[in-house]
Amino acid sequence: MKLVPVILAGGQGSRLWPLSTPDCPKQYLPLLDPHWSLLQQTLQRAQQLSPCQPLLVCHEEQRFLAAEQCRAAGIHATLLLERDSRNTAQALALAAQFLRARGDDNVLMLVLPADHLLENIAPLQQALQHLQPWVEQGAAAVFGILPHTPATGFGYLQVSAGEAPVRPLRAFHEKPDATTAADYLQANTTAPQPCWFWNSGMLCWQVQSFLQALQQWQPQLATASAAAIAGQQQDLDFIRPNAAALQGVAALPVDIALLEPLAASGEAAVVAAVLADSGWSDIGSWTAVQALAPADAQGNAQQGNGRFYRSHNSYLHNHSGRDIALLGVTDLVVVDTADALLIAQRDALDQLRVVVADSPPVSPRKVFRPWGCYEILHPGEGYKIKRLQVKPGGQLSLQRHQQRAEHWVVVRGEATVIRQQHGELTQEILHANESTFIALGDVHALANHGNTLLEMIEVQSGDYLGEDDIERLQDIYGRE
């Protein structure tokens, strides 16, 4: 039976602040690999597990970022957009309704969070082989991780006793307190076989069976998600469900919305398999990131440039490129970005959400567009400096600005500068080290008709430099 990877790429970007933000949550960051983001590693993992094209569910504000990372990984995915994220129950409902609408009622959905790490894929492949016959008969399947610490940040799975590779799930238990988590671990050590596992967040479920459970336990979401997919629109390479149809739907994780009542109903409606020695991590905190990074003899770990002196068990993540030295500190976490700096004791990181909630809104420095991306290098009083990267075949909209002028300098590649003069469009070709000036009110566009990436420096000048000072006249991507 066909197995379709469904990758959940939502998220608020709060647990790994300031590197992870709402504009760029952790799944889009190369946290532990210098070349690939967590999303790209998940896409590569999905490709190993199934030849089917993955279905990726993400927020519409991150669509160009997600599409670019798929392109860079060389993997074509169907991108299903959420305008309003309402946790995993809605995301999976939309995915299942989409698959049903294209005639894939009987396919199996392999649900993979985009922001998790799995160092060894073999245990997942083996677990899938054991679980697939159960899923084909209508059961929902979950994947457990044998706990090694009494962690309070994970949900727990309680499975039936036995030695079989697949065991019925008795109950879900939400994130416990420290005492309860310690009791779970103690129970594992005294039982013939462990029965308590961390919930990995990965699932396998037949589309038809999922939708039947959805209709039974969450009928409002079943009706709303079906209407949203029925009213979907194609936007470039993206699928946009009708967001209005989802108004009023409760924001619930799939565990609470479907899996808990199914498990309580008995009859092996939910089954579990354990991923042993998989190197799984949800990378849910800077402490988890530090634990995965190579450490020196004093227990210090780092990503990016940095120096440690008389310091112990500390972590530095240098994303700004500044010269950073840690002197005489212990159990400290330092995360430096171009926009914010975090300095925290490791045992205080559970309060990071309070810091994030109090943080002022910051516009992202790097923004992805269908033609490529731009990065703000320096914002100043009355001016702004950007780096533009335009993909081969990419073209900015024909536009004009009422409150700013622009200077363009080509760094590499070949730029086609389009202007409207006397009602006609003209073209000018610029190469590396050549420049041009776009006066306030000029109708203009920029295109890359070459075969290599076009990189430019743009210097804006004017009294107002907001991104809303763009009047689009024509756009090949259909944007207004």
Protein backbone atom coordinates (compact mmCIF):
# COMPACT_ATOMS: atom_id res chain seq x y z
CA MET A 1 0.00 0.00 0.00
CA LYS A 2 1.28 3.47 -0.89
CA LEU A 3 2.99 5.45 1.88
CA VAL A 4 2.82 9.26 1.61
CA PRO A 5 5.06 11.29 3.95
CA VAL A 6 3.14 14.19 5.52
CA ILE A 7 5.60 16.70 6.96
CA LEU A 8 4.33 19.14 9.58
CA ALA A 9 6.33 22.35 9.29
CA GLY A 10 4.35 24.75 11.47
CA GLY A 11 5.66 26.26 14.70
CA GLN A 12 5.92 29.53 16.57
CA GLY A 13 9.70 29.78 16.84
CA SER A 14 9.75 30.39 20.61
CA ARG A 15 11.72 27.54 22.21
CA LEU A 16 15.06 28.37 20.54
CA TRP A 17 14.80 32.16 20.63
CA PRO A 18 16.51 34.35 19.52
CA LEU A 19 17.78 32.18 16.66
CA SER A 20 14.34 30.69 16.03
CA THR A 21 11.58 33.28 15.47
CA PRO A 22 7.99 33.29 14.16
CA ASP A 23 9.36 34.30 10.74
CA CYS A 24 11.95 31.52 10.75
CA PRO A 25 11.15 28.68 13.20
CA LYS A 26 13.77 26.07 14.05
CA GLN A 27 12.83 23.65 11.26
CA TYR A 28 14.25 26.11 8.72
CA LEU A 29 17.58 26.49 10.56
CA PRO A 30 20.81 24.48 10.06
CA LEU A 31 21.06 23.93 13.80
CA LEU A 32 23.30 20.87 13.92
CA ASP A 33 24.37 20.46 10.31
CA PRO A 34 26.21 23.29 8.54
CA HIS A 35 24.57 22.47 5.21
CA TRP A 36 21.03 21.24 5.85
CA SER A 37 18.17 22.60 7.92
CA LEU A 38 16.02 20.30 10.05
CA LEU A 39 13.29 20.50 7.39
CA GLN A 40 15.72 19.48 4.66
CA GLN A 41 16.96 16.56 6.76
CA THR A 42 13.33 15.50 7.28
CA LEU A 43 12.70 15.71 3.53
CA GLN A 44 15.75 13.55 2.87
CA ARG A 45 14.55 11.08 5.50
CA ALA A 46 11.10 10.96 3.88
CA GLN A 47 12.70 10.24 0.53
CA GLN A 48 14.48 7.23 2.04
CA LEU A 49 11.25 5.94 3.55
CA SER A 50 8.97 6.31 0.54
CA PRO A 51 9.24 7.04 -3.20
CA CYS A 52 6.03 9.10 -3.00
CA GLN A 53 6.18 12.88 -3.24
CA PRO A 54 5.84 14.30 0.30
CA LEU A 55 3.02 16.59 1.36
CA LEU A 56 4.32 19.49 3.41
CA VAL A 57 1.94 21.54 5.59
CA CYS A 58 3.26 24.99 6.57
CA HIS A 59 2.12 28.51 7.37
CA GLU A 60 1.53 30.72 4.35
CA GLU A 61 3.98 33.35 5.65
CA GLN A 62 6.79 30.80 5.38
CA ARG A 63 5.81 29.39 1.98
CA PHE A 64 8.69 30.84 -0.03
CA LEU A 65 11.20 29.82 2.62
CA ALA A 66 9.82 26.26 2.61
CA ALA A 67 9.75 26.14 -1.19
CA GLU A 68 13.34 27.36 -1.45
CA GLN A 69 14.55 24.75 1.03
CA CYS A 70 12.77 22.01 -0.91
CA ARG A 71 14.40 23.26 -4.12
CA ALA A 72 17.85 23.44 -2.51
CA ALA A 73 17.45 19.86 -1.23
CA GLY A 74 16.45 18.71 -4.72
CA ILE A 75 13.11 17.35 -3.49
CA HIS A 76 9.77 18.27 -5.02
CA ALA A 77 6.99 18.46 -2.42
CA THR A 78 3.35 19.48 -2.48
CA LEU A 79 3.00 22.52 -0.21
CA LEU A 80 -0.31 22.88 1.62
CA LEU A 81 -0.68 26.28 3.27
CA GLU A 82 -2.39 27.25 6.51
CA ARG A 83 -3.38 30.89 6.91
CA ASP A 84 -4.17 30.37 10.60
CA SER A 85 -2.30 27.61 12.39
CA ARG A 86 -4.43 25.67 14.87
CA ASN A 87 -2.13 22.88 15.99
CA THR A 88 -1.63 19.43 14.52
CA ALA A 89 -5.24 18.21 14.39
CA GLN A 90 -6.14 20.86 11.80
CA ALA A 91 -2.91 20.36 9.85
CA LEU A 92 -3.49 16.61 9.57
CA ALA A 93 -7.18 17.05 8.79
CA LEU A 94 -6.28 19.27 5.84
CA ALA A 95 -3.65 16.81 4.66
CA ALA A 96 -6.05 13.87 4.83
CA GLN A 97 -8.87 15.75 3.11
CA PHE A 98 -6.45 16.82 0.37
CA LEU A 99 -5.34 13.23 -0.21
CA ARG A 100 -8.96 12.03 -0.27
CA ALA A 101 -9.87 14.75 -2.78
CA ARG A 102 -7.24 13.47 -5.19
CA GLY A 103 -8.43 9.87 -4.81
CA ASP A 104 -5.95 8.59 -2.22
CA ASP A 105 -8.39 7.29 0.42
CA ASN A 106 -6.43 4.12 1.02
CA VAL A 107 -2.90 5.50 1.20
CA LEU A 108 -1.01 5.52 4.48
CA MET A 109 0.07 8.88 5.88
CA LEU A 110 3.47 8.82 7.56
CA VAL A 111 3.43 11.95 9.70
CA LEU A 112 6.86 13.46 10.38
CA PRO A 113 7.45 16.66 12.37
CA ALA A 114 9.86 18.86 10.40
CA ASP A 115 11.78 20.07 13.45
CA HIS A 116 13.02 16.77 14.91
CA LEU A 117 16.36 15.01 14.63
CA LEU A 118 16.71 11.31 13.81
CA GLU A 119 20.33 10.25 13.54
CA ASN A 120 19.61 6.60 12.62
CA ILE A 121 16.75 5.87 10.24
CA ALA A 122 16.98 2.06 10.42
CA PRO A 123 14.83 1.71 13.60
CA LEU A 124 12.08 3.78 11.96
CA GLN A 125 12.20 1.65 8.82
CA GLN A 126 11.97 -1.50 10.91
CA ALA A 127 9.11 -0.16 13.04
CA LEU A 128 7.20 0.78 9.89
CA GLN A 129 7.46 -2.77 8.60
CA HIS A 130 6.01 -4.09 11.86
CA LEU A 131 3.25 -1.46 12.02
CA GLN A 132 2.09 -1.42 8.42
CA PRO A 133 -0.21 -4.50 8.62
CA TRP A 134 -1.97 -2.96 11.63
CA VAL A 135 -2.37 0.41 9.91
CA GLU A 136 -3.73 -1.23 6.76
CA GLN A 137 -6.43 -2.78 8.97
CA GLY A 138 -7.46 0.65 10.28
CA ALA A 139 -5.35 1.17 13.42
CA ALA A 140 -3.49 4.39 14.14
CA ALA A 141 0.21 3.84 14.84
CA VAL A 142 2.53 5.88 17.04
CA PHE A 143 6.27 5.69 17.65
CA GLY A 144 7.72 5.69 21.14
CA ILE A 145 11.17 6.60 22.42
CA LEU A 146 12.61 4.77 25.45
CA PRO A 147 13.15 7.51 28.08
CA HIS A 148 16.56 7.83 29.67
CA THR A 149 15.74 10.77 31.96
CA PRO A 150 12.55 11.79 33.83
CA ALA A 151 11.87 14.52 31.28
CA THR A 152 8.84 16.71 31.88
CA GLY A 153 8.79 18.29 28.41
CA PHE A 154 7.41 15.26 26.57
CA GLY A 155 4.09 13.49 26.49
CA TYR A 156 4.27 9.82 27.52
CA LEU A 157 2.84 6.69 25.92
CA GLN A 158 1.67 3.85 28.13
CA VAL A 159 1.63 0.59 26.17
CA SER A 160 0.42 -2.87 27.08
CA ALA A 161 2.86 -5.35 28.57
CA GLY A 162 4.55 -7.85 26.29
CA GLU A 163 7.54 -8.46 24.07
CA ALA A 164 5.91 -8.07 20.64
CA PRO A 165 7.36 -5.33 18.41
CA VAL A 166 3.85 -3.83 18.11
CA ARG A 167 1.78 -3.37 21.26
CA PRO A 168 -1.63 -1.77 21.87
CA LEU A 169 -1.53 1.68 23.38
CA ARG A 170 -3.30 1.87 26.74
CA ALA A 171 -3.21 5.64 27.29
CA PHE A 172 -1.57 8.98 26.53
CA HIS A 173 -0.24 11.01 29.42
CA GLU A 174 0.43 14.69 28.92
CA LYS A 175 3.65 16.32 30.12
CA PRO A 176 4.01 15.11 33.74
CA ASP A 177 5.63 16.77 36.73
CA ALA A 178 9.10 15.62 37.79
CA THR A 179 7.83 13.18 40.42
CA THR A 180 5.42 11.48 38.03
CA ALA A 181 8.05 11.26 35.29
CA ALA A 182 10.45 9.63 37.77
CA ASP A 183 7.72 7.11 38.65
CA TYR A 184 7.36 6.21 34.96
CA LEU A 185 11.08 5.52 34.67
CA GLN A 186 11.06 3.49 37.86
CA ALA A 187 8.17 1.40 36.53
CA ASN A 188 10.24 0.66 33.40
CA THR A 189 13.13 -0.68 35.48
CA THR A 190 10.98 -3.03 37.55
CA ALA A 191 8.79 -4.43 34.74
CA PRO A 192 9.91 -7.35 32.52
CA GLN A 193 9.52 -5.03 29.51
CA PRO A 194 9.31 -1.18 29.55
CA CYS A 195 5.77 0.11 29.14
CA TRP A 196 6.39 3.87 29.34
CA PHE A 197 7.81 5.80 26.39
CA TRP A 198 8.19 9.35 25.19
CA ASN A 199 5.78 10.31 22.43
CA SER A 200 7.93 11.07 19.35
CA GLY A 201 5.14 12.93 17.53
CA MET A 202 5.46 10.64 14.49
CA LEU A 203 2.36 8.79 13.30
CA CYS A 204 1.22 6.40 10.62
CA TRP A 205 -2.47 6.33 9.68
CA GLN A 206 -4.57 5.37 6.71
CA VAL A 207 -6.37 8.36 5.22
CA GLN A 208 -9.80 6.70 5.31
CA SER A 209 -9.39 5.53 8.91
CA PHE A 210 -8.14 8.94 10.00
CA LEU A 211 -11.14 10.68 8.45
CA GLN A 212 -13.53 8.20 10.06
CA ALA A 213 -12.01 8.94 13.47
CA LEU A 214 -12.14 12.65 12.69
CA GLN A 215 -15.85 12.45 11.89
CA GLN A 216 -16.51 10.51 15.09
CA TRP A 217 -14.50 12.57 17.57
CA GLN A 218 -14.15 15.99 15.93
CA PRO A 219 -17.12 16.43 13.57
CA GLN A 220 -16.76 20.22 13.36
CA LEU A 221 -13.17 19.91 12.17
CA ALA A 222 -14.16 17.13 9.76
CA THR A 223 -16.80 19.34 8.13
CA ALA A 224 -14.64 22.49 8.14
CA SER A 225 -11.53 20.81 6.71
CA ALA A 226 -13.53 19.14 3.95
CA ALA A 227 -15.04 22.51 2.99
CA ALA A 228 -11.59 24.15 3.12
CA ILE A 229 -10.15 21.61 0.68
CA ALA A 230 -13.24 21.77 -1.55
CA GLY A 231 -12.64 25.52 -1.82
CA GLN A 232 -8.89 25.28 -2.33
CA GLN A 233 -7.02 27.50 -4.77
CA GLN A 234 -3.78 26.88 -6.64
CA ASP A 235 -1.25 29.67 -6.06
CA LEU A 236 1.96 29.09 -8.05
CA ASP A 237 3.25 25.80 -6.60
CA PHE A 238 1.14 26.14 -3.43
CA ILE A 239 -2.25 24.75 -2.42
CA ARG A 240 -4.35 27.26 -0.45
CA PRO A 241 -7.32 25.75 1.41
CA ASN A 242 -10.25 28.09 1.98
CA ALA A 243 -9.26 29.68 5.30
CA ALA A 244 -12.73 31.10 5.93
CA ALA A 245 -14.15 27.57 6.20
CA LEU A 246 -11.87 26.90 9.19
CA GLN A 247 -12.97 29.87 11.29
CA GLY A 248 -14.09 28.81 14.75
CA VAL A 249 -12.31 25.44 14.69
CA ALA A 250 -10.70 24.56 18.02
CA ALA A 251 -6.89 24.50 18.12
CA LEU A 252 -6.08 20.96 19.31
CA PRO A 253 -3.11 18.62 19.00
CA VAL A 254 -3.99 15.37 17.27
CA ASP A 255 -3.11 13.46 20.46
CA ILE A 256 -5.94 15.08 22.40
CA ALA A 257 -8.36 15.44 19.49
CA LEU A 258 -8.22 11.85 18.21
CA LEU A 259 -5.60 9.53 19.65
CA GLU A 260 -6.60 9.79 23.32
CA PRO A 261 -10.28 8.92 22.78
CA LEU A 262 -9.31 6.18 20.32
CA ALA A 263 -6.87 4.61 22.77
CA ALA A 264 -9.51 4.76 25.50
CA SER A 265 -11.96 2.92 23.24
CA GLY A 266 -9.74 -0.19 23.35
CA GLU A 267 -9.60 -3.00 20.77
CA ALA A 268 -6.07 -1.97 19.65
CA ALA A 269 -7.40 1.10 17.88
CA VAL A 270 -3.98 2.70 18.51
CA VAL A 271 -0.79 0.65 18.43
CA ALA A 272 2.80 1.58 19.22
CA ALA A 273 6.29 0.56 18.22
CA VAL A 274 9.52 1.66 19.87
CA LEU A 275 12.44 3.32 18.10
CA ALA A 276 15.54 1.97 19.82
CA ASP A 277 18.95 3.56 19.21
CA SER A 278 17.53 6.02 16.69
CA GLY A 279 19.20 9.14 18.07
CA TRP A 280 15.82 10.91 18.18
CA SER A 281 15.50 14.40 19.65
CA ASP A 282 12.80 17.03 19.34
CA ILE A 283 15.50 19.68 19.90
CA GLY A 284 13.06 21.45 22.16
CA SER A 285 15.50 23.64 24.10
CA TRP A 286 18.99 25.08 24.02
CA THR A 287 19.91 22.44 26.59
CA ALA A 288 18.97 19.77 24.04
CA VAL A 289 21.02 21.52 21.35
CA GLN A 290 24.02 21.67 23.67
CA ALA A 291 23.70 17.97 24.48
CA LEU A 292 23.95 17.15 20.76
CA ALA A 293 26.96 19.38 20.04
CA PRO A 294 30.55 18.11 20.47
CA ALA A 295 32.03 19.34 23.77
CA ASP A 296 35.59 20.04 24.89
CA ALA A 297 37.25 18.59 27.99
CA GLN A 298 35.54 21.20 30.18
CA GLY A 299 32.08 20.40 28.81
CA ASN A 300 31.85 23.55 26.68
CA ALA A 301 30.20 23.36 23.26
CA GLN A 302 29.72 25.88 20.48
CA GLN A 303 28.34 26.57 17.04
CA GLY A 304 30.13 29.36 15.19
CA ASN A 305 33.12 31.40 16.33
CA GLY A 306 33.86 31.75 20.03
CA ARG A 307 36.43 31.28 22.78
CA PHE A 308 36.20 29.82 26.29
CA TYR A 309 38.51 30.72 29.19
CA ARG A 310 38.18 29.10 32.63
CA SER A 311 34.62 28.17 31.71
CA HIS A 312 32.72 24.93 32.21
CA ASN A 313 29.57 23.24 30.82
CA SER A 314 28.62 26.33 28.82
CA TYR A 315 27.22 26.69 25.32
CA LEU A 316 27.76 29.41 22.72
CA HIS A 317 25.78 29.75 19.50
CA ASN A 318 27.31 32.57 17.47
CA HIS A 319 25.07 33.47 14.54
CA SER A 320 26.17 37.11 14.31
CA GLY A 321 29.82 36.55 13.43
CA ARG A 322 31.04 38.78 16.25
CA ASP A 323 34.11 37.89 18.27
CA ILE A 324 32.70 36.42 21.50
CA ALA A 325 34.70 35.23 24.51
CA LEU A 326 33.32 33.54 27.64
CA LEU A 327 35.51 34.00 30.69
CA GLY A 328 35.04 32.33 34.08
CA VAL A 329 31.45 31.17 33.58
CA THR A 330 29.68 27.89 34.33
CA ASP A 331 26.41 26.43 33.02
CA LEU A 332 25.81 29.46 30.80
CA VAL A 333 24.02 29.57 27.45
CA VAL A 334 24.84 32.43 25.07
CA VAL A 335 23.02 32.80 21.75
CA ASP A 336 23.96 35.81 19.62
CA THR A 337 22.17 36.87 16.44
CA ALA A 338 22.07 40.05 14.40
CA ASP A 339 18.79 41.02 16.08
CA ALA A 340 19.03 39.83 19.69
CA LEU A 341 21.31 38.35 22.33
CA LEU A 342 20.37 35.73 24.92
CA ILE A 343 22.50 35.14 28.04
CA ALA A 344 20.95 32.60 30.40
CA GLN A 345 21.75 30.10 33.10
CA ARG A 346 20.95 26.60 31.84
CA ASP A 347 18.56 25.90 34.72
CA ALA A 348 16.54 29.04 33.84
CA LEU A 349 15.82 28.12 30.22
CA ASP A 350 12.36 26.78 31.08
CA GLN A 351 11.36 30.44 31.51
CA LEU A 352 12.41 31.40 27.98
CA ARG A 353 8.80 31.69 26.80
CA VAL A 354 8.35 34.61 29.22
CA VAL A 355 11.29 36.37 27.59
CA VAL A 356 9.90 35.72 24.13
CA ALA A 357 6.45 37.02 25.11
CA ASP A 358 8.01 40.28 26.30
CA SER A 359 10.25 40.71 23.24
CA PRO A 360 9.43 43.62 20.90
CA PRO A 361 8.41 42.67 17.36
CA VAL A 362 11.40 42.58 15.01
CA SER A 363 11.20 42.45 11.23
CA PRO A 364 13.18 39.53 9.80
CA ARG A 365 16.49 40.43 8.19
CA LYS A 366 16.26 37.72 5.53
CA VAL A 367 12.99 37.44 3.60
CA PHE A 368 12.17 34.89 0.89
CA ARG A 369 10.21 35.77 -2.23
CA PRO A 370 9.19 33.70 -5.27
CA TRP A 371 12.05 35.28 -7.25
CA GLY A 372 14.69 34.63 -4.55
CA CYS A 373 15.38 36.51 -1.33
CA TYR A 374 16.65 39.74 0.16
CA GLU A 375 18.61 40.39 3.34
CA ILE A 376 18.76 43.67 5.23
CA LEU A 377 22.45 44.35 5.84
CA HIS A 378 22.09 47.69 7.59
CA PRO A 379 19.06 49.84 8.44
CA GLY A 380 19.92 53.49 9.03
CA GLU A 381 18.22 56.86 9.44
CA GLY A 382 16.94 57.75 5.97
CA TYR A 383 18.65 54.79 4.25
CA LYS A 384 18.67 50.99 4.16
CA ILE A 385 21.19 48.60 2.61
CA LYS A 386 20.01 45.24 1.25
CA ARG A 387 21.50 42.22 -0.48
CA LEU A 388 19.24 40.86 -3.24
CA GLN A 389 19.59 37.35 -4.65
CA VAL A 390 17.51 36.61 -7.75
CA LYS A 391 17.26 33.03 -8.99
CA PRO A 392 17.74 32.22 -12.69
CA GLY A 393 14.43 33.00 -14.35
CA GLY A 394 13.30 35.11 -11.39
CA GLN A 395 11.80 38.56 -11.83
CA LEU A 396 10.70 41.23 -9.38
CA SER A 397 7.34 42.83 -10.08
CA LEU A 398 7.00 45.90 -12.28
CA GLN A 399 6.57 48.51 -9.56
CA ARG A 400 7.18 51.99 -8.29
CA HIS A 401 7.82 53.68 -4.96
CA GLN A 402 6.34 56.93 -3.79
CA GLN A 403 8.70 57.59 -0.89
CA ARG A 404 12.12 56.18 -1.76
CA ALA A 405 14.80 56.01 -4.43
CA GLU A 406 17.12 53.04 -4.99
CA HIS A 407 20.71 52.51 -6.09
CA TRP A 408 21.55 49.04 -7.47
CA VAL A 409 25.07 47.58 -7.75
CA VAL A 410 25.63 44.18 -9.35
CA VAL A 411 27.97 41.95 -7.34
CA ARG A 412 27.78 38.84 -9.54
CA GLY A 413 25.61 37.55 -12.33
CA GLU A 414 23.77 39.44 -15.05
CA ALA A 415 20.92 41.83 -14.23
CA THR A 416 18.21 42.91 -16.62
CA VAL A 417 16.89 46.30 -15.46
CA ILE A 418 13.45 47.06 -16.87
CA ARG A 419 12.12 50.64 -16.95
CA GLN A 420 9.02 52.29 -18.30
CA GLN A 421 9.82 55.39 -20.32
CA HIS A 422 7.22 57.33 -22.34
CA GLY A 423 4.78 54.44 -21.92
CA GLU A 424 7.19 51.80 -23.24
CA LEU A 425 9.32 49.23 -21.43
CA THR A 426 13.06 49.31 -22.02
CA GLN A 427 15.77 46.91 -20.89
CA GLU A 428 19.33 47.51 -19.73
CA ILE A 429 21.87 44.75 -19.04
CA LEU A 430 24.24 45.19 -16.09
CA HIS A 431 27.20 43.00 -15.15
CA ALA A 432 29.40 42.75 -12.05
CA ASN A 433 30.57 46.14 -10.70
CA GLU A 434 28.04 48.05 -12.83
CA SER A 435 25.26 50.09 -11.23
CA THR A 436 22.12 52.07 -11.89
CA PHE A 437 19.78 54.49 -10.11
CA ILE A 438 15.99 54.17 -9.71
CA ALA A 439 14.51 57.59 -9.00
CA LEU A 440 11.48 58.11 -6.77
CA GLY A 441 8.34 57.29 -8.75
CA ASP A 442 10.15 55.48 -11.59
CA VAL A 443 8.33 52.41 -12.92
CA HIS A 444 10.86 49.59 -12.86
CA ALA A 445 11.54 45.87 -12.51
CA LEU A 446 14.54 43.59 -12.17
CA ALA A 447 15.02 40.19 -13.82
CA ASN A 448 17.62 37.46 -14.01
CA HIS A 449 17.58 36.04 -17.52
CA GLY A 450 20.89 34.27 -16.99
CA ASN A 451 21.72 30.75 -15.83
CA THR A 452 23.46 31.69 -12.58
CA LEU A 453 22.39 33.41 -9.39
CA LEU A 454 22.18 37.22 -9.57
CA GLU A 455 23.44 39.01 -6.47
CA MET A 456 23.04 42.75 -6.00
CA ILE A 457 23.42 45.40 -3.35
CA GLU A 458 20.47 47.79 -3.06
CA VAL A 459 20.79 51.10 -1.22
CA GLN A 460 17.43 52.71 -0.48
CA SER A 461 17.15 56.37 0.48
CA GLY A 462 14.11 58.36 1.54
CA ASP A 463 11.97 59.47 4.46
CA TYR A 464 10.06 56.17 4.60
CA LEU A 465 11.56 52.77 3.74
CA GLY A 466 8.80 50.31 4.68
CA GLU A 467 8.05 47.30 2.50
CA ASP A 468 4.50 48.56 1.99
CA ASP A 469 5.82 51.38 -0.21
CA ILE A 470 5.52 49.11 -3.24
CA GLU A 471 2.86 49.69 -5.90
CA ARG A 472 2.86 46.55 -8.04
CA LEU A 473 1.75 47.17 -11.60
CA GLN A 474 2.53 43.73 -13.10
CA ASP A 475 3.70 40.54 -11.46
CA ILE A 476 4.49 37.20 -13.11
CA TYR A 477 3.65 35.44 -9.82
CA GLY A 478 0.15 36.91 -9.58
CA ARG A 479 0.80 38.96 -6.44
CA GLU A 480 -1.14 42.17 -5.86
